[in-house]
Amino acid sequence: MSKKIVSVLVAMLFSFVVAGIAVAGQGPETITLKAKKGDVHFAHWKHQEKTKCGECHHGPGHSPYKEGMKIQTCDKCHNKSFENKKLNSVMKAAHKNCRDCHKQHKSEGAPTKCGGCHKK
């Protein structure tokens, strides 16, 4: 794996860890996810107003987050040994979750093209 991809994944992982450490129902206002197509400035609080924590954060077997549950880093499961090759990286898992949700909320202004989230 190239150093650039590893750097991007580490930056994304760090951002998810910071979000996971935060108190449920709070968390950081914004999380910056470093990506080669452009950084994603994820409006965490804005998303919390519209969805439950369990829509993004989950436990083993994709069990929804419940208050008090320890949030693991995404790469604990979403890595090369993950059985589902479509979700075997943090980037793939985030893209799947975010894009599917954004498609459902397109009429509310949720971006559905790469440039809507990735800013160079």
PDB file of N, CA and C in Angstrom:
ATOM      1  N   MET A   1       0.863  -1.174   0.000  1.00  0.00           N
ATOM      2  CA  MET A   1       0.000   0.000   0.000  1.00  0.00           C
ATOM      3  C   MET A   1       0.909   1.237   0.000  1.00  0.00           C
ATOM      4  N   SER A   2       0.561   2.202  -0.812  1.00  0.00           N
ATOM      5  CA  SER A   2       1.417   3.381  -0.903  1.00  0.00           C
ATOM      6  C   SER A   2       1.345   4.214   0.376  1.00  0.00           C
ATOM      7  N   LYS A   3       2.408   4.987   0.611  1.00  0.00           N
ATOM      8  CA  LYS A   3       2.478   5.828   1.808  1.00  0.00           C
ATOM      9  C   LYS A   3       1.356   6.854   1.816  1.00  0.00           C
ATOM     10  N   LYS A   4       0.971   7.341   0.640  1.00  0.00           N
ATOM     11  CA  LYS A   4      -0.080   8.358   0.542  1.00  0.00           C
ATOM     12  C   LYS A   4      -1.429   7.791   0.998  1.00  0.00           C
ATOM     13  N   ILE A   5      -1.751   6.592   0.535  1.00  0.00           N
ATOM     14  CA  ILE A   5      -3.020   5.960   0.922  1.00  0.00           C
ATOM     15  C   ILE A   5      -3.029   5.676   2.416  1.00  0.00           C
ATOM     16  N   VAL A   6      -1.906   5.174   2.931  1.00  0.00           N
ATOM     17  CA  VAL A   6      -1.811   4.889   4.370  1.00  0.00           C
ATOM     18  C   VAL A   6      -2.001   6.176   5.161  1.00  0.00           C
ATOM     19  N   SER A   7      -1.393   7.273   4.692  1.00  0.00           N
ATOM     20  CA  SER A   7      -1.532   8.558   5.390  1.00  0.00           C
ATOM     21  C   SER A   7      -2.978   9.019   5.419  1.00  0.00           C
ATOM     22  N   VAL A   8      -3.674   8.874   4.295  1.00  0.00           N
ATOM     23  CA  VAL A   8      -5.078   9.273   4.218  1.00  0.00           C
ATOM     24  C   VAL A   8      -5.914   8.424   5.165  1.00  0.00           C
ATOM     25  N   LEU A   9      -5.684   7.120   5.168  1.00  0.00           N
ATOM     26  CA  LEU A   9      -6.456   6.228   6.042  1.00  0.00           C
ATOM     27  C   LEU A   9      -6.184   6.515   7.515  1.00  0.00           C
ATOM     28  N   VAL A  10      -4.938   6.804   7.856  1.00  0.00           N
ATOM     29  CA  VAL A  10      -4.602   7.122   9.250  1.00  0.00           C
ATOM     30  C   VAL A  10      -5.299   8.413   9.669  1.00  0.00           C
ATOM     31  N   ALA A  11      -5.299   9.415   8.780  1.00  0.00           N
ATOM     32  CA  ALA A  11      -5.967  10.683   9.094  1.00  0.00           C
ATOM     33  C   ALA A  11      -7.463  10.466   9.286  1.00  0.00           C
ATOM     34  N   MET A  12      -8.075   9.658   8.409  1.00  0.00           N
ATOM     35  CA  MET A  12      -9.512   9.371   8.546  1.00  0.00           C
ATOM     36  C   MET A  12      -9.769   8.631   9.852  1.00  0.00           C
ATOM     37  N   LEU A  13      -8.952   7.648  10.139  1.00  0.00           N
ATOM     38  CA  LEU A  13      -9.109   6.862  11.355  1.00  0.00           C
ATOM     39  C   LEU A  13      -9.007   7.744  12.587  1.00  0.00           C
ATOM     40  N   PHE A  14      -8.025   8.636  12.614  1.00  0.00           N
ATOM     41  CA  PHE A  14      -7.862   9.547  13.738  1.00  0.00           C
ATOM     42  C   PHE A  14      -9.126  10.374  13.931  1.00  0.00           C
ATOM     43  N   SER A  15      -9.690  10.864  12.847  1.00  0.00           N
ATOM     44  CA  SER A  15     -10.903  11.680  12.936  1.00  0.00           C
ATOM     45  C   SER A  15     -12.062  10.873  13.504  1.00  0.00           C
ATOM     46  N   PHE A  16     -12.188   9.615  13.063  1.00  0.00           N
ATOM     47  CA  PHE A  16     -13.263   8.779  13.586  1.00  0.00           C
ATOM     48  C   PHE A  16     -13.045   8.455  15.066  1.00  0.00           C
ATOM     49  N   VAL A  17     -11.794   8.278  15.468  1.00  0.00           N
ATOM     50  CA  VAL A  17     -11.496   8.005  16.880  1.00  0.00           C
ATOM     51  C   VAL A  17     -11.884   9.210  17.727  1.00  0.00           C
ATOM     52  N   VAL A  18     -11.537  10.406  17.258  1.00  0.00           N
ATOM     53  CA  VAL A  18     -11.896  11.622  17.986  1.00  0.00           C
ATOM     54  C   VAL A  18     -13.408  11.689  18.147  1.00  0.00           C
ATOM     55  N   ALA A  19     -14.144  11.357  17.089  1.00  0.00           N
ATOM     56  CA  ALA A  19     -15.603  11.371  17.169  1.00  0.00           C
ATOM     57  C   ALA A  19     -16.094  10.318  18.159  1.00  0.00           C
ATOM     58  N   GLY A  20     -15.442   9.159  18.182  1.00  0.00           N
ATOM     59  CA  GLY A  20     -15.859   8.084  19.064  1.00  0.00           C
ATOM     60  C   GLY A  20     -15.593   8.350  20.526  1.00  0.00           C
ATOM     61  N   ILE A  21     -14.548   9.097  20.814  1.00  0.00           N
ATOM     62  CA  ILE A  21     -14.195   9.409  22.199  1.00  0.00           C
ATOM     63  C   ILE A  21     -15.179  10.409  22.795  1.00  0.00           C
ATOM     64  N   ALA A  22     -15.762  11.222  21.954  1.00  0.00           N
ATOM     65  CA  ALA A  22     -16.670  12.275  22.419  1.00  0.00           C
ATOM     66  C   ALA A  22     -17.891  11.675  23.114  1.00  0.00           C
ATOM     67  N   VAL A  23     -18.490  12.450  23.955  1.00  0.00           N
ATOM     68  CA  VAL A  23     -19.677  12.033  24.684  1.00  0.00           C
ATOM     69  C   VAL A  23     -20.833  11.846  23.699  1.00  0.00           C
ATOM     70  N   ALA A  24     -21.623  10.779  23.870  1.00  0.00           N
ATOM     71  CA  ALA A  24     -22.766  10.534  22.994  1.00  0.00           C
ATOM     72  C   ALA A  24     -23.695  11.731  23.005  1.00  0.00           C
ATOM     73  N   GLY A  25     -24.171  12.113  21.829  1.00  0.00           N
ATOM     74  CA  GLY A  25     -25.055  13.262  21.717  1.00  0.00           C
ATOM     75  C   GLY A  25     -24.295  14.571  21.651  1.00  0.00           C
ATOM     76  N   GLN A  26     -23.011  14.539  21.705  1.00  0.00           N
ATOM     77  CA  GLN A  26     -22.164  15.723  21.641  1.00  0.00           C
ATOM     78  C   GLN A  26     -21.189  15.539  20.499  1.00  0.00           C
ATOM     79  N   GLY A  27     -19.984  15.236  20.849  1.00  0.00           N
ATOM     80  CA  GLY A  27     -18.949  15.052  19.849  1.00  0.00           C
ATOM     81  C   GLY A  27     -18.452  16.377  19.307  1.00  0.00           C
ATOM     82  N   PRO A  28     -17.443  16.303  18.448  1.00  0.00           N
ATOM     83  CA  PRO A  28     -16.908  17.527  17.872  1.00  0.00           C
ATOM     84  C   PRO A  28     -17.897  18.157  16.896  1.00  0.00           C
ATOM     85  N   GLU A  29     -17.828  19.467  16.777  1.00  0.00           N
ATOM     86  CA  GLU A  29     -18.724  20.169  15.852  1.00  0.00           C
ATOM     87  C   GLU A  29     -18.434  19.755  14.416  1.00  0.00           C
ATOM     88  N   THR A  30     -17.170  19.736  14.047  1.00  0.00           N
ATOM     89  CA  THR A  30     -16.749  19.380  12.690  1.00  0.00           C
ATOM     90  C   THR A  30     -15.566  18.428  12.779  1.00  0.00           C
ATOM     91  N   ILE A  31     -15.520  17.486  11.853  1.00  0.00           N
ATOM     92  CA  ILE A  31     -14.415  16.538  11.760  1.00  0.00           C
ATOM     93  C   ILE A  31     -13.831  16.672  10.360  1.00  0.00           C
ATOM     94  N   THR A  32     -12.523  16.859  10.259  1.00  0.00           N
ATOM     95  CA  THR A  32     -11.881  16.948   8.953  1.00  0.00           C
ATOM     96  C   THR A  32     -11.264  15.604   8.621  1.00  0.00           C
ATOM     97  N   LEU A  33     -11.706  15.041   7.504  1.00  0.00           N
ATOM     98  CA  LEU A  33     -11.185  13.772   7.009  1.00  0.00           C
ATOM     99  C   LEU A  33     -10.274  14.072   5.831  1.00  0.00           C
ATOM    100  N   LYS A  34      -9.001  13.765   5.966  1.00  0.00           N
ATOM    101  CA  LYS A  34      -8.031  14.006   4.899  1.00  0.00           C
ATOM    102  C   LYS A  34      -8.226  12.966   3.806  1.00  0.00           C
ATOM    103  N   ALA A  35      -8.275  13.424   2.553  1.00  0.00           N
ATOM    104  CA  ALA A  35      -8.458  12.513   1.423  1.00  0.00           C
ATOM    105  C   ALA A  35      -7.762  13.087   0.198  1.00  0.00           C
ATOM    106  N   LYS A  36      -7.255  12.202  -0.660  1.00  0.00           N
ATOM    107  CA  LYS A  36      -6.517  12.690  -1.822  1.00  0.00           C
ATOM    108  C   LYS A  36      -7.413  13.408  -2.824  1.00  0.00           C
ATOM    109  N   LYS A  37      -8.702  13.138  -2.835  1.00  0.00           N
ATOM    110  CA  LYS A  37      -9.625  13.853  -3.729  1.00  0.00           C
ATOM    111  C   LYS A  37     -10.071  15.181  -3.129  1.00  0.00           C
ATOM    112  N   GLY A  38      -9.565  15.502  -1.972  1.00  0.00           N
ATOM    113  CA  GLY A  38      -9.922  16.734  -1.275  1.00  0.00           C
ATOM    114  C   GLY A  38     -10.464  16.400   0.099  1.00  0.00           C
ATOM    115  N   ASP A  39     -10.120  17.224   1.063  1.00  0.00           N
ATOM    116  CA  ASP A  39     -10.557  16.978   2.437  1.00  0.00           C
ATOM    117  C   ASP A  39     -12.073  17.070   2.566  1.00  0.00           C
ATOM    118  N   VAL A  40     -12.605  16.270   3.475  1.00  0.00           N
ATOM    119  CA  VAL A  40     -14.036  16.308   3.798  1.00  0.00           C
ATOM    120  C   VAL A  40     -14.153  16.974   5.162  1.00  0.00           C
ATOM    121  N   HIS A  41     -14.863  18.091   5.212  1.00  0.00           N
ATOM    122  CA  HIS A  41     -15.113  18.790   6.472  1.00  0.00           C
ATOM    123  C   HIS A  41     -16.513  18.365   6.919  1.00  0.00           C
ATOM    124  N   PHE A  42     -16.550  17.282   7.682  1.00  0.00           N
ATOM    125  CA  PHE A  42     -17.798  16.638   8.086  1.00  0.00           C
ATOM    126  C   PHE A  42     -18.457  17.415   9.219  1.00  0.00           C
ATOM    127  N   ALA A  43     -19.641  17.915   8.958  1.00  0.00           N
ATOM    128  CA  ALA A  43     -20.398  18.700   9.949  1.00  0.00           C
ATOM    129  C   ALA A  43     -21.092  17.732  10.912  1.00  0.00           C
ATOM    130  N   HIS A  44     -20.362  17.276  11.920  1.00  0.00           N
ATOM    131  CA  HIS A  44     -20.843  16.256  12.851  1.00  0.00           C
ATOM    132  C   HIS A  44     -22.120  16.700  13.569  1.00  0.00           C
ATOM    133  N   TRP A  45     -22.127  17.920  14.128  1.00  0.00           N
ATOM    134  CA  TRP A  45     -23.298  18.384  14.881  1.00  0.00           C
ATOM    135  C   TRP A  45     -24.518  18.479  13.974  1.00  0.00           C
ATOM    136  N   LYS A  46     -24.334  18.953  12.762  1.00  0.00           N
ATOM    137  CA  LYS A  46     -25.448  19.074  11.811  1.00  0.00           C
ATOM    138  C   LYS A  46     -26.055  17.696  11.536  1.00  0.00           C
ATOM    139  N   HIS A  47     -25.208  16.699  11.376  1.00  0.00           N
ATOM    140  CA  HIS A  47     -25.694  15.342  11.134  1.00  0.00           C
ATOM    141  C   HIS A  47     -26.390  14.776  12.374  1.00  0.00           C
ATOM    142  N   GLN A  48     -25.887  15.117  13.572  1.00  0.00           N
ATOM    143  CA  GLN A  48     -26.504  14.626  14.806  1.00  0.00           C
ATOM    144  C   GLN A  48     -27.927  15.143  14.969  1.00  0.00           C
ATOM    145  N   GLU A  49     -28.199  16.332  14.450  1.00  0.00           N
ATOM    146  CA  GLU A  49     -29.545  16.900  14.558  1.00  0.00           C
ATOM    147  C   GLU A  49     -30.548  16.105  13.732  1.00  0.00           C
ATOM    148  N   LYS A  50     -30.068  15.413  12.700  1.00  0.00           N
ATOM    149  CA  LYS A  50     -30.962  14.743  11.760  1.00  0.00           C
ATOM    150  C   LYS A  50     -30.987  13.225  11.865  1.00  0.00           C
ATOM    151  N   THR A  51     -30.025  12.646  12.564  1.00  0.00           N
ATOM    152  CA  THR A  51     -29.943  11.191  12.603  1.00  0.00           C
ATOM    153  C   THR A  51     -29.482  10.702  13.967  1.00  0.00           C
ATOM    154  N   LYS A  52     -29.677   9.434  14.235  1.00  0.00           N
ATOM    155  CA  LYS A  52     -29.238   8.830  15.492  1.00  0.00           C
ATOM    156  C   LYS A  52     -27.796   8.359  15.360  1.00  0.00           C
ATOM    157  N   CYS A  53     -27.096   8.331  16.460  1.00  0.00           N
ATOM    158  CA  CYS A  53     -25.684   7.929  16.469  1.00  0.00           C
ATOM    159  C   CYS A  53     -25.488   6.553  15.818  1.00  0.00           C
ATOM    160  N   GLY A  54     -26.430   5.650  16.054  1.00  0.00           N
ATOM    161  CA  GLY A  54     -26.339   4.285  15.541  1.00  0.00           C
ATOM    162  C   GLY A  54     -26.415   4.177  14.031  1.00  0.00           C
ATOM    163  N   GLU A  55     -26.789   5.250  13.350  1.00  0.00           N
ATOM    164  CA  GLU A  55     -26.811   5.219  11.890  1.00  0.00           C
ATOM    165  C   GLU A  55     -25.397   5.181  11.325  1.00  0.00           C
ATOM    166  N   CYS A  56     -24.439   5.706  12.065  1.00  0.00           N
ATOM    167  CA  CYS A  56     -23.042   5.732  11.608  1.00  0.00           C
ATOM    168  C   CYS A  56     -22.146   4.881  12.498  1.00  0.00           C
ATOM    169  N   HIS A  57     -22.296   5.043  13.809  1.00  0.00           N
ATOM    170  CA  HIS A  57     -21.470   4.302  14.769  1.00  0.00           C
ATOM    171  C   HIS A  57     -22.164   2.989  15.088  1.00  0.00           C
ATOM    172  N   HIS A  58     -21.387   1.905  15.089  1.00  0.00           N
ATOM    173  CA  HIS A  58     -21.986   0.604  15.365  1.00  0.00           C
ATOM    174  C   HIS A  58     -20.995  -0.317  16.042  1.00  0.00           C
ATOM    175  N   GLY A  59     -21.522  -1.423  16.529  1.00  0.00           N
ATOM    176  CA  GLY A  59     -20.690  -2.415  17.203  1.00  0.00           C
ATOM    177  C   GLY A  59     -20.548  -3.661  16.353  1.00  0.00           C
ATOM    178  N   PRO A  60     -20.076  -4.748  16.941  1.00  0.00           N
ATOM    179  CA  PRO A  60     -19.885  -6.006  16.217  1.00  0.00           C
ATOM    180  C   PRO A  60     -21.179  -6.464  15.552  1.00  0.00           C
ATOM    181  N   GLY A  61     -21.049  -7.012  14.354  1.00  0.00           N
ATOM    182  CA  GLY A  61     -22.235  -7.474  13.639  1.00  0.00           C
ATOM    183  C   GLY A  61     -23.114  -6.328  13.182  1.00  0.00           C
ATOM    184  N   HIS A  62     -22.575  -5.146  13.197  1.00  0.00           N
ATOM    185  CA  HIS A  62     -23.265  -3.908  12.807  1.00  0.00           C
ATOM    186  C   HIS A  62     -24.424  -3.586  13.744  1.00  0.00           C
ATOM    187  N   SER A  63     -24.302  -3.998  15.012  1.00  0.00           N
ATOM    188  CA  SER A  63     -25.328  -3.656  15.995  1.00  0.00           C
ATOM    189  C   SER A  63     -25.305  -2.150  16.233  1.00  0.00           C
ATOM    190  N   PRO A  64     -26.472  -1.474  16.255  1.00  0.00           N
ATOM    191  CA  PRO A  64     -26.503  -0.017  16.414  1.00  0.00           C
ATOM    192  C   PRO A  64     -25.869   0.432  17.723  1.00  0.00           C
ATOM    193  N   TYR A  65     -25.267   1.601  17.677  1.00  0.00           N
ATOM    194  CA  TYR A  65     -24.672   2.201  18.864  1.00  0.00           C
ATOM    195  C   TYR A  65     -25.741   2.418  19.927  1.00  0.00           C
ATOM    196  N   LYS A  66     -25.394   2.084  21.144  1.00  0.00           N
ATOM    197  CA  LYS A  66     -26.253   2.373  22.298  1.00  0.00           C
ATOM    198  C   LYS A  66     -25.403   3.147  23.290  1.00  0.00           C
ATOM    199  N   GLU A  67     -26.013   4.077  24.007  1.00  0.00           N
ATOM    200  CA  GLU A  67     -25.274   4.906  24.952  1.00  0.00           C
ATOM    201  C   GLU A  67     -24.435   4.040  25.877  1.00  0.00           C
ATOM    202  N   GLY A  68     -23.184   4.431  26.021  1.00  0.00           N
ATOM    203  CA  GLY A  68     -22.261   3.706  26.883  1.00  0.00           C
ATOM    204  C   GLY A  68     -21.427   2.670  26.150  1.00  0.00           C
ATOM    205  N   MET A  69     -21.819   2.351  24.905  1.00  0.00           N
ATOM    206  CA  MET A  69     -21.083   1.359  24.133  1.00  0.00           C
ATOM    207  C   MET A  69     -19.703   1.918  23.765  1.00  0.00           C
ATOM    208  N   LYS A  70     -18.684   1.093  23.904  1.00  0.00           N
ATOM    209  CA  LYS A  70     -17.339   1.514  23.518  1.00  0.00           C
ATOM    210  C   LYS A  70     -17.281   1.558  21.987  1.00  0.00           C
ATOM    211  N   ILE A  71     -16.874   2.694  21.467  1.00  0.00           N
ATOM    212  CA  ILE A  71     -16.747   2.821  20.017  1.00  0.00           C
ATOM    213  C   ILE A  71     -15.323   2.433  19.634  1.00  0.00           C
ATOM    214  N   GLN A  72     -15.221   1.394  18.822  1.00  0.00           N
ATOM    215  CA  GLN A  72     -13.927   0.938  18.331  1.00  0.00           C
ATOM    216  C   GLN A  72     -13.507   1.791  17.140  1.00  0.00           C
ATOM    217  N   THR A  73     -12.226   1.782  16.829  1.00  0.00           N
ATOM    218  CA  THR A  73     -11.794   2.446  15.614  1.00  0.00           C
ATOM    219  C   THR A  73     -12.321   1.644  14.426  1.00  0.00           C
ATOM    220  N   CYS A  74     -12.640   2.350  13.368  1.00  0.00           N
ATOM    221  CA  CYS A  74     -13.264   1.717  12.197  1.00  0.00           C
ATOM    222  C   CYS A  74     -12.407   0.593  11.616  1.00  0.00           C
ATOM    223  N   ASP A  75     -11.084   0.790  11.640  1.00  0.00           N
ATOM    224  CA  ASP A  75     -10.216  -0.203  11.027  1.00  0.00           C
ATOM    225  C   ASP A  75     -10.098  -1.495  11.839  1.00  0.00           C
ATOM    226  N   LYS A  76     -10.702  -1.532  13.018  1.00  0.00           N
ATOM    227  CA  LYS A  76     -10.701  -2.781  13.787  1.00  0.00           C
ATOM    228  C   LYS A  76     -11.398  -3.877  12.979  1.00  0.00           C
ATOM    229  N   CYS A  77     -12.441  -3.511  12.260  1.00  0.00           N
ATOM    230  CA  CYS A  77     -13.140  -4.472  11.399  1.00  0.00           C
ATOM    231  C   CYS A  77     -12.937  -4.157   9.912  1.00  0.00           C
ATOM    232  N   HIS A  78     -13.007  -2.874   9.574  1.00  0.00           N
ATOM    233  CA  HIS A  78     -12.919  -2.480   8.171  1.00  0.00           C
ATOM    234  C   HIS A  78     -11.458  -2.395   7.739  1.00  0.00           C
ATOM    235  N   ASN A  79     -10.893  -3.579   7.452  1.00  0.00           N
ATOM    236  CA  ASN A  79      -9.499  -3.701   7.028  1.00  0.00           C
ATOM    237  C   ASN A  79      -9.412  -4.822   5.998  1.00  0.00           C
ATOM    238  N   LYS A  80      -8.227  -5.110   5.522  1.00  0.00           N
ATOM    239  CA  LYS A  80      -8.052  -6.096   4.440  1.00  0.00           C
ATOM    240  C   LYS A  80      -8.574  -7.491   4.781  1.00  0.00           C
ATOM    241  N   SER A  81      -8.679  -7.828   6.067  1.00  0.00           N
ATOM    242  CA  SER A  81      -9.155  -9.163   6.429  1.00  0.00           C
ATOM    243  C   SER A  81     -10.683  -9.214   6.571  1.00  0.00           C
ATOM    244  N   PHE A  82     -11.357  -8.086   6.409  1.00  0.00           N
ATOM    245  CA  PHE A  82     -12.814  -8.045   6.477  1.00  0.00           C
ATOM    246  C   PHE A  82     -13.378  -8.855   5.315  1.00  0.00           C
ATOM    247  N   GLU A  83     -14.308  -9.752   5.569  1.00  0.00           N
ATOM    248  CA  GLU A  83     -14.816 -10.670   4.549  1.00  0.00           C
ATOM    249  C   GLU A  83     -15.456  -9.956   3.361  1.00  0.00           C
ATOM    250  N   ASN A  84     -16.218  -8.921   3.611  1.00  0.00           N
ATOM    251  CA  ASN A  84     -16.895  -8.193   2.536  1.00  0.00           C
ATOM    252  C   ASN A  84     -15.891  -7.246   1.876  1.00  0.00           C
ATOM    253  N   LYS A  85     -15.450  -7.583   0.681  1.00  0.00           N
ATOM    254  CA  LYS A  85     -14.416  -6.796  -0.008  1.00  0.00           C
ATOM    255  C   LYS A  85     -14.898  -5.393  -0.372  1.00  0.00           C
ATOM    256  N   LYS A  86     -16.201  -5.179  -0.378  1.00  0.00           N
ATOM    257  CA  LYS A  86     -16.736  -3.843  -0.665  1.00  0.00           C
ATOM    258  C   LYS A  86     -16.626  -2.920   0.542  1.00  0.00           C
ATOM    259  N   LEU A  87     -16.308  -3.495   1.720  1.00  0.00           N
ATOM    260  CA  LEU A  87     -16.205  -2.719   2.958  1.00  0.00           C
ATOM    261  C   LEU A  87     -14.895  -2.985   3.691  1.00  0.00           C
ATOM    262  N   ASN A  88     -13.867  -3.450   2.964  1.00  0.00           N
ATOM    263  CA  ASN A  88     -12.633  -3.860   3.634  1.00  0.00           C
ATOM    264  C   ASN A  88     -11.614  -2.732   3.817  1.00  0.00           C
ATOM    265  N   SER A  89     -12.092  -1.507   3.917  1.00  0.00           N
ATOM    266  CA  SER A  89     -11.249  -0.370   4.298  1.00  0.00           C
ATOM    267  C   SER A  89     -12.148   0.690   4.919  1.00  0.00           C
ATOM    268  N   VAL A  90     -11.551   1.571   5.677  1.00  0.00           N
ATOM    269  CA  VAL A  90     -12.318   2.665   6.294  1.00  0.00           C
ATOM    270  C   VAL A  90     -12.935   3.532   5.203  1.00  0.00           C
ATOM    271  N   MET A  91     -12.166   3.796   4.151  1.00  0.00           N
ATOM    272  CA  MET A  91     -12.667   4.634   3.062  1.00  0.00           C
ATOM    273  C   MET A  91     -13.892   3.994   2.399  1.00  0.00           C
ATOM    274  N   LYS A  92     -13.831   2.705   2.105  1.00  0.00           N
ATOM    275  CA  LYS A  92     -14.957   2.031   1.453  1.00  0.00           C
ATOM    276  C   LYS A  92     -16.191   2.038   2.351  1.00  0.00           C
ATOM    277  N   ALA A  93     -16.001   1.797   3.630  1.00  0.00           N
ATOM    278  CA  ALA A  93     -17.129   1.773   4.567  1.00  0.00           C
ATOM    279  C   ALA A  93     -17.767   3.156   4.685  1.00  0.00           C
ATOM    280  N   ALA A  94     -16.931   4.189   4.782  1.00  0.00           N
ATOM    281  CA  ALA A  94     -17.455   5.554   4.888  1.00  0.00           C
ATOM    282  C   ALA A  94     -18.182   5.950   3.610  1.00  0.00           C
ATOM    283  N   HIS A  95     -17.594   5.633   2.454  1.00  0.00           N
ATOM    284  CA  HIS A  95     -18.257   5.969   1.193  1.00  0.00           C
ATOM    285  C   HIS A  95     -19.607   5.276   1.087  1.00  0.00           C
ATOM    286  N   LYS A  96     -19.675   4.023   1.440  1.00  0.00           N
ATOM    287  CA  LYS A  96     -20.943   3.270   1.354  1.00  0.00           C
ATOM    288  C   LYS A  96     -21.999   3.908   2.245  1.00  0.00           C
ATOM    289  N   ASN A  97     -21.656   4.154   3.483  1.00  0.00           N
ATOM    290  CA  ASN A  97     -22.616   4.697   4.444  1.00  0.00           C
ATOM    291  C   ASN A  97     -23.049   6.115   4.059  1.00  0.00           C
ATOM    292  N   CYS A  98     -22.085   6.965   3.769  1.00  0.00           N
ATOM    293  CA  CYS A  98     -22.386   8.375   3.478  1.00  0.00           C
ATOM    294  C   CYS A  98     -23.146   8.538   2.166  1.00  0.00           C
ATOM    295  N   ARG A  99     -22.675   7.888   1.106  1.00  0.00           N
ATOM    296  CA  ARG A  99     -23.335   8.052  -0.200  1.00  0.00           C
ATOM    297  C   ARG A  99     -24.755   7.522  -0.177  1.00  0.00           C
ATOM    298  N   ASP A 100     -24.969   6.373   0.443  1.00  0.00           N
ATOM    299  CA  ASP A 100     -26.335   5.823   0.506  1.00  0.00           C
ATOM    300  C   ASP A 100     -27.272   6.783   1.230  1.00  0.00           C
ATOM    301  N   CYS A 101     -26.816   7.338   2.337  1.00  0.00           N
ATOM    302  CA  CYS A 101     -27.638   8.270   3.114  1.00  0.00           C
ATOM    303  C   CYS A 101     -27.876   9.558   2.315  1.00  0.00           C
ATOM    304  N   HIS A 102     -26.833  10.073   1.687  1.00  0.00           N
ATOM    305  CA  HIS A 102     -26.976  11.309   0.911  1.00  0.00           C
ATOM    306  C   HIS A 102     -27.947  11.131  -0.252  1.00  0.00           C
ATOM    307  N   LYS A 103     -27.947   9.959  -0.883  1.00  0.00           N
ATOM    308  CA  LYS A 103     -28.897   9.698  -1.973  1.00  0.00           C
ATOM    309  C   LYS A 103     -30.334   9.744  -1.442  1.00  0.00           C
ATOM    310  N   GLN A 104     -30.553   9.228  -0.245  1.00  0.00           N
ATOM    311  CA  GLN A 104     -31.885   9.237   0.368  1.00  0.00           C
ATOM    312  C   GLN A 104     -32.335  10.648   0.712  1.00  0.00           C
ATOM    313  N   HIS A 105     -31.381  11.534   0.991  1.00  0.00           N
ATOM    314  CA  HIS A 105     -31.704  12.898   1.423  1.00  0.00           C
ATOM    315  C   HIS A 105     -31.340  13.955   0.377  1.00  0.00           C
ATOM    316  N   LYS A 106     -31.257  13.532  -0.876  1.00  0.00           N
ATOM    317  CA  LYS A 106     -30.895  14.441  -1.964  1.00  0.00           C
ATOM    318  C   LYS A 106     -31.863  15.619  -2.058  1.00  0.00           C
ATOM    319  N   SER A 107     -33.142  15.361  -1.875  1.00  0.00           N
ATOM    320  CA  SER A 107     -34.150  16.431  -1.979  1.00  0.00           C
ATOM    321  C   SER A 107     -33.995  17.487  -0.885  1.00  0.00           C
ATOM    322  N   GLU A 108     -33.267  17.147   0.186  1.00  0.00           N
ATOM    323  CA  GLU A 108     -33.016  18.088   1.283  1.00  0.00           C
ATOM    324  C   GLU A 108     -31.692  18.831   1.091  1.00  0.00           C
ATOM    325  N   GLY A 109     -31.042  18.604  -0.047  1.00  0.00           N
ATOM    326  CA  GLY A 109     -29.793  19.297  -0.343  1.00  0.00           C
ATOM    327  C   GLY A 109     -28.527  18.532  -0.024  1.00  0.00           C
ATOM    328  N   ALA A 110     -28.642  17.270   0.337  1.00  0.00           N
ATOM    329  CA  ALA A 110     -27.451  16.468   0.633  1.00  0.00           C
ATOM    330  C   ALA A 110     -26.656  16.271  -0.660  1.00  0.00           C
ATOM    331  N   PRO A 111     -25.356  16.548  -0.639  1.00  0.00           N
ATOM    332  CA  PRO A 111     -24.557  16.391  -1.857  1.00  0.00           C
ATOM    333  C   PRO A 111     -24.430  14.923  -2.251  1.00  0.00           C
ATOM    334  N   THR A 112     -24.460  14.676  -3.555  1.00  0.00           N
ATOM    335  CA  THR A 112     -24.342  13.301  -4.047  1.00  0.00           C
ATOM    336  C   THR A 112     -23.162  13.121  -5.002  1.00  0.00           C
ATOM    337  N   LYS A 113     -22.495  14.190  -5.349  1.00  0.00           N
ATOM    338  CA  LYS A 113     -21.314  14.124  -6.215  1.00  0.00           C
ATOM    339  C   LYS A 113     -20.070  14.275  -5.342  1.00  0.00           C
ATOM    340  N   CYS A 114     -18.946  13.767  -5.805  1.00  0.00           N
ATOM    341  CA  CYS A 114     -17.679  13.786  -5.040  1.00  0.00           C
ATOM    342  C   CYS A 114     -17.360  15.199  -4.519  1.00  0.00           C
ATOM    343  N   GLY A 115     -17.435  16.196  -5.407  1.00  0.00           N
ATOM    344  CA  GLY A 115     -17.062  17.552  -5.058  1.00  0.00           C
ATOM    345  C   GLY A 115     -17.963  18.201  -4.023  1.00  0.00           C
ATOM    346  N   GLY A 116     -19.123  17.609  -3.761  1.00  0.00           N
ATOM    347  CA  GLY A 116     -20.019  18.134  -2.741  1.00  0.00           C
ATOM    348  C   GLY A 116     -19.483  17.939  -1.328  1.00  0.00           C
ATOM    349  N   CYS A 117     -18.654  16.921  -1.142  1.00  0.00           N
ATOM    350  CA  CYS A 117     -18.069  16.641   0.173  1.00  0.00           C
ATOM    351  C   CYS A 117     -16.555  16.854   0.167  1.00  0.00           C
ATOM    352  N   HIS A 118     -15.893  16.419  -0.911  1.00  0.00           N
ATOM    353  CA  HIS A 118     -14.443  16.552  -1.020  1.00  0.00           C
ATOM    354  C   HIS A 118     -14.103  17.930  -1.551  1.00  0.00           C
ATOM    355  N   LYS A 119     -13.415  18.721  -0.746  1.00  0.00           N
ATOM    356  CA  LYS A 119     -13.032  20.090  -1.116  1.00  0.00           C
ATOM    357  C   LYS A 119     -11.523  20.177  -1.276  1.00  0.00           C
ATOM    358  N   LYS A 120     -11.082  20.582  -2.451  1.00  0.00           N
ATOM    359  CA  LYS A 120      -9.635  20.737  -2.707  1.00  0.00           C
ATOM    360  C   LYS A 120      -9.168  22.106  -2.327  1.00  0.00           C
TER     361      LYS A 120
END
